[in-house]
Amino acid sequence: MSYVVIVHLRAKPGMEDKMVELLSTNMIATHKEPGLRKFALHRDLSDPRHFMVVEVYDGRADYDYHHAQPHYAVCMAALPATLESSHQSTHVEPLKIGDPAKGLL
């Protein structure tokens, strides 16, 4: 079963572009990691300072591997300067309902 994490981040006013830059650099490197299924950045349509990262891994070990990578450390060191408040991570369990191709990440 996959391991899914949803991260919410809120940029300081005027720091939206810098946040996107930091997250994009991290994302490009993360896309090369083994065990990664999805790592996608989204912006809230009603609040352009609110971002979400949807992460899907083969398992918890792959998530832990991601957190041990140098590009992750660089991003996490620079990210606080762009954040209005600390980010929130939610670890969720996929529920198999209906068509797995449409119902699972």
Protein backbone atom coordinates (compact mmCIF):
# COMPACT_ATOMS: atom_id res chain seq x y z
CA MET A 1 0.00 0.00 0.00
CA SER A 2 1.23 3.50 -0.75
CA TYR A 3 2.28 6.05 1.85
CA VAL A 4 0.65 9.45 1.32
CA VAL A 5 1.56 12.80 2.87
CA ILE A 6 -0.18 16.12 2.32
CA VAL A 7 1.78 19.21 3.35
CA HIS A 8 0.19 22.65 3.79
CA LEU A 9 2.37 25.76 3.65
CA ARG A 10 1.46 29.44 3.87
CA ALA A 11 3.86 31.97 2.41
CA LYS A 12 4.61 35.31 3.97
CA PRO A 13 3.20 38.19 1.92
CA GLY A 14 5.51 38.79 -1.03
CA MET A 15 7.38 35.49 -0.56
CA GLU A 16 5.17 33.36 -2.80
CA ASP A 17 7.62 33.28 -5.72
CA LYS A 18 10.57 32.46 -3.46
CA MET A 19 8.58 29.60 -1.89
CA VAL A 20 7.73 28.22 -5.33
CA GLU A 21 11.40 28.46 -6.31
CA LEU A 22 12.55 26.54 -3.21
CA LEU A 23 9.86 23.89 -3.52
CA SER A 24 10.47 23.50 -7.26
CA THR A 25 14.20 22.87 -6.77
CA ASN A 26 13.39 20.27 -4.12
CA MET A 27 10.70 18.71 -6.31
CA ILE A 28 12.94 18.27 -9.35
CA ALA A 29 15.51 16.38 -7.26
CA THR A 30 12.80 14.43 -5.42
CA HIS A 31 11.33 13.18 -8.70
CA LYS A 32 14.56 11.16 -9.17
CA GLU A 33 14.22 9.29 -5.87
CA PRO A 34 13.44 5.56 -5.82
CA GLY A 35 10.11 4.64 -4.29
CA LEU A 36 8.45 7.94 -5.21
CA ARG A 37 5.13 7.74 -7.04
CA LYS A 38 4.03 11.39 -6.93
CA PHE A 39 5.36 14.65 -5.60
CA ALA A 40 3.14 17.49 -6.77
CA LEU A 41 2.93 21.15 -5.78
CA HIS A 42 -0.46 22.90 -5.82
CA ARG A 43 -1.61 26.44 -5.06
CA ASP A 44 -4.97 27.30 -3.53
CA LEU A 45 -7.11 29.10 -6.13
CA SER A 46 -8.79 31.23 -3.47
CA ASP A 47 -5.60 32.04 -1.52
CA PRO A 48 -2.39 32.38 -3.59
CA ARG A 49 -0.26 32.28 -0.43
CA HIS A 50 -1.51 28.78 0.48
CA PHE A 51 0.38 25.87 -1.09
CA MET A 52 -0.04 22.12 -0.80
CA VAL A 53 2.41 19.37 -1.63
CA VAL A 54 0.95 15.93 -2.28
CA GLU A 55 3.54 13.19 -1.78
CA VAL A 56 2.98 9.52 -2.59
CA TYR A 57 5.63 6.90 -1.85
CA ASP A 58 5.76 3.12 -2.16
CA GLY A 59 6.12 2.95 1.62
CA ARG A 60 7.25 4.71 4.80
CA ALA A 61 10.89 3.75 4.16
CA ASP A 62 10.81 5.73 0.90
CA TYR A 63 9.42 8.76 2.73
CA ASP A 64 12.19 8.43 5.32
CA TYR A 65 14.74 8.14 2.49
CA HIS A 66 13.43 11.42 1.04
CA HIS A 67 13.95 13.17 4.37
CA ALA A 68 17.57 11.99 4.47
CA GLN A 69 18.49 13.55 1.11
CA PRO A 70 20.74 16.63 0.85
CA HIS A 71 18.27 18.52 -1.39
CA TYR A 72 15.58 18.10 1.28
CA ALA A 73 17.91 19.49 3.96
CA VAL A 74 18.75 22.51 1.78
CA CYS A 75 15.05 23.20 1.15
CA MET A 76 14.11 22.83 4.82
CA ALA A 77 16.93 25.16 5.88
CA ALA A 78 15.79 27.92 3.51
CA LEU A 79 12.01 27.42 3.71
CA PRO A 80 11.35 29.03 7.14
CA ALA A 81 12.27 32.47 5.76
CA THR A 82 9.32 32.19 3.35
CA LEU A 83 6.76 30.74 5.77
CA GLU A 84 4.16 32.78 7.62
CA SER A 85 3.79 29.92 10.10
CA SER A 86 5.15 26.40 10.41
CA HIS A 87 4.07 23.94 7.75
CA GLN A 88 1.56 21.20 8.57
CA SER A 89 2.00 17.63 7.39
CA THR A 90 -0.81 15.10 7.37
CA HIS A 91 0.00 11.43 6.84
CA VAL A 92 -3.01 9.66 5.39
CA GLU A 93 -4.07 6.12 4.63
CA PRO A 94 -5.50 5.47 1.17
CA LEU A 95 -8.89 3.74 1.24
CA LYS A 96 -9.56 1.35 -1.61
CA ILE A 97 -13.04 2.29 -2.83
CA GLY A 98 -14.28 1.92 -6.39
CA ASP A 99 -11.91 1.97 -9.35
CA PRO A 100 -8.30 2.05 -8.01
CA ALA A 101 -7.13 3.91 -11.13
CA LYS A 102 -9.45 6.77 -10.25
CA GLY A 103 -9.79 6.45 -6.50
CA LEU A 104 -6.18 6.15 -5.35
CA LEU A 105 -3.23 8.49 -5.67
